């Protein structure tokens, strides 16, 4: 697996949307440099479909 297989989510609204879709994060952590909290997701077909839906709804 490579870094591109993972999504580092710093947006709480995206994380809430993923939870509503039944997509679980791998972990929640804090970026050592910025001190911002993020959720880490594995990018699979289900995640990508949910992200596409989120982005489509966001632009409406």
C-alpha atoms as a PDB file:
ATOM      1  CA  UNK A   1       0.000   0.000   0.000  1.00  0.00           C
ATOM      2  CA  UNK A   2       1.087   3.506  -0.741  1.00  0.00           C
ATOM      3  CA  UNK A   3       0.306   6.912   0.710  1.00  0.00           C
ATOM      4  CA  UNK A   4      -2.119   7.559  -2.149  1.00  0.00           C
ATOM      5  CA  UNK A   5      -4.244   4.665  -0.809  1.00  0.00           C
ATOM      6  CA  UNK A   6      -5.136   6.737   2.249  1.00  0.00           C
ATOM      7  CA  UNK A   7      -7.154   9.896   2.793  1.00  0.00           C
ATOM      8  CA  UNK A   8      -6.152  12.260   5.584  1.00  0.00           C
ATOM      9  CA  UNK A   9      -9.360  14.084   6.477  1.00  0.00           C
ATOM     10  CA  UNK A  10      -9.052  17.385   8.326  1.00  0.00           C
ATOM     11  CA  UNK A  11     -12.692  18.361   7.706  1.00  0.00           C
ATOM     12  CA  UNK A  12     -15.176  17.392  10.433  1.00  0.00           C
ATOM     13  CA  UNK A  13     -18.095  17.682   7.990  1.00  0.00           C
ATOM     14  CA  UNK A  14     -16.521  15.100   5.683  1.00  0.00           C
ATOM     15  CA  UNK A  15     -15.880  12.802   8.638  1.00  0.00           C
ATOM     16  CA  UNK A  16     -19.503  13.110   9.754  1.00  0.00           C
ATOM     17  CA  UNK A  17     -20.685  12.357   6.216  1.00  0.00           C
ATOM     18  CA  UNK A  18     -18.487   9.250   6.057  1.00  0.00           C
ATOM     19  CA  UNK A  19     -19.864   8.069   9.404  1.00  0.00           C
ATOM     20  CA  UNK A  20     -23.419   8.526   8.095  1.00  0.00           C
ATOM     21  CA  UNK A  21     -22.459   6.335   5.120  1.00  0.00           C
ATOM     22  CA  UNK A  22     -21.125   3.651   7.453  1.00  0.00           C
ATOM     23  CA  UNK A  23     -17.505   4.235   6.510  1.00  0.00           C
ATOM     24  CA  UNK A  24     -15.162   3.847   9.457  1.00  0.00           C
ATOM     25  CA  UNK A  25     -11.886   5.657   9.898  1.00  0.00           C
ATOM     26  CA  UNK A  26      -8.669   3.788  10.599  1.00  0.00           C
ATOM     27  CA  UNK A  27      -7.596   6.193  13.315  1.00  0.00           C
ATOM     28  CA  UNK A  28      -7.928   9.742  14.552  1.00  0.00           C
ATOM     29  CA  UNK A  29      -4.689  11.538  15.277  1.00  0.00           C
ATOM     30  CA  UNK A  30      -2.974  14.908  15.465  1.00  0.00           C
ATOM     31  CA  UNK A  31      -0.584  16.242  12.853  1.00  0.00           C
ATOM     32  CA  UNK A  32       2.740  16.757  14.593  1.00  0.00           C
ATOM     33  CA  UNK A  33       3.602  19.944  12.691  1.00  0.00           C
ATOM     34  CA  UNK A  34       0.252  21.735  12.493  1.00  0.00           C
ATOM     35  CA  UNK A  35      -1.341  20.223  15.627  1.00  0.00           C
ATOM     36  CA  UNK A  36      -4.577  19.777  13.641  1.00  0.00           C
ATOM     37  CA  UNK A  37      -6.730  16.703  14.264  1.00  0.00           C
ATOM     38  CA  UNK A  38      -7.396  14.381  11.310  1.00  0.00           C
ATOM     39  CA  UNK A  39      -9.163  11.122  10.570  1.00  0.00           C
ATOM     40  CA  UNK A  40      -7.432   8.569   8.376  1.00  0.00           C
ATOM     41  CA  UNK A  41      -9.425   6.561   5.830  1.00  0.00           C
ATOM     42  CA  UNK A  42      -8.476   3.785   3.443  1.00  0.00           C
ATOM     43  CA  UNK A  43      -9.569   4.696  -0.076  1.00  0.00           C
ATOM     44  CA  UNK A  44     -11.613   1.826  -1.481  1.00  0.00           C
ATOM     45  CA  UNK A  45     -14.610   1.771  -3.823  1.00  0.00           C
ATOM     46  CA  UNK A  46     -17.109   2.482  -1.039  1.00  0.00           C
ATOM     47  CA  UNK A  47     -15.073   5.406   0.273  1.00  0.00           C
ATOM     48  CA  UNK A  48     -14.548   6.840  -3.224  1.00  0.00           C
ATOM     49  CA  UNK A  49     -18.265   6.616  -4.036  1.00  0.00           C
ATOM     50  CA  UNK A  50     -19.118   8.431  -0.795  1.00  0.00           C
ATOM     51  CA  UNK A  51     -16.493  11.106  -1.477  1.00  0.00           C
ATOM     52  CA  UNK A  52     -17.834  11.606  -5.008  1.00  0.00           C
ATOM     53  CA  UNK A  53     -21.334  11.991  -3.550  1.00  0.00           C
ATOM     54  CA  UNK A  54     -20.114  14.460  -0.917  1.00  0.00           C
ATOM     55  CA  UNK A  55     -18.343  16.569  -3.530  1.00  0.00           C
ATOM     56  CA  UNK A  56     -21.353  16.505  -5.871  1.00  0.00           C
ATOM     57  CA  UNK A  57     -23.670  17.644  -3.068  1.00  0.00           C
ATOM     58  CA  UNK A  58     -21.220  20.325  -1.955  1.00  0.00           C
ATOM     59  CA  UNK A  59     -21.238  22.025  -5.364  1.00  0.00           C
ATOM     60  CA  UNK A  60     -25.063  22.244  -5.503  1.00  0.00           C
END
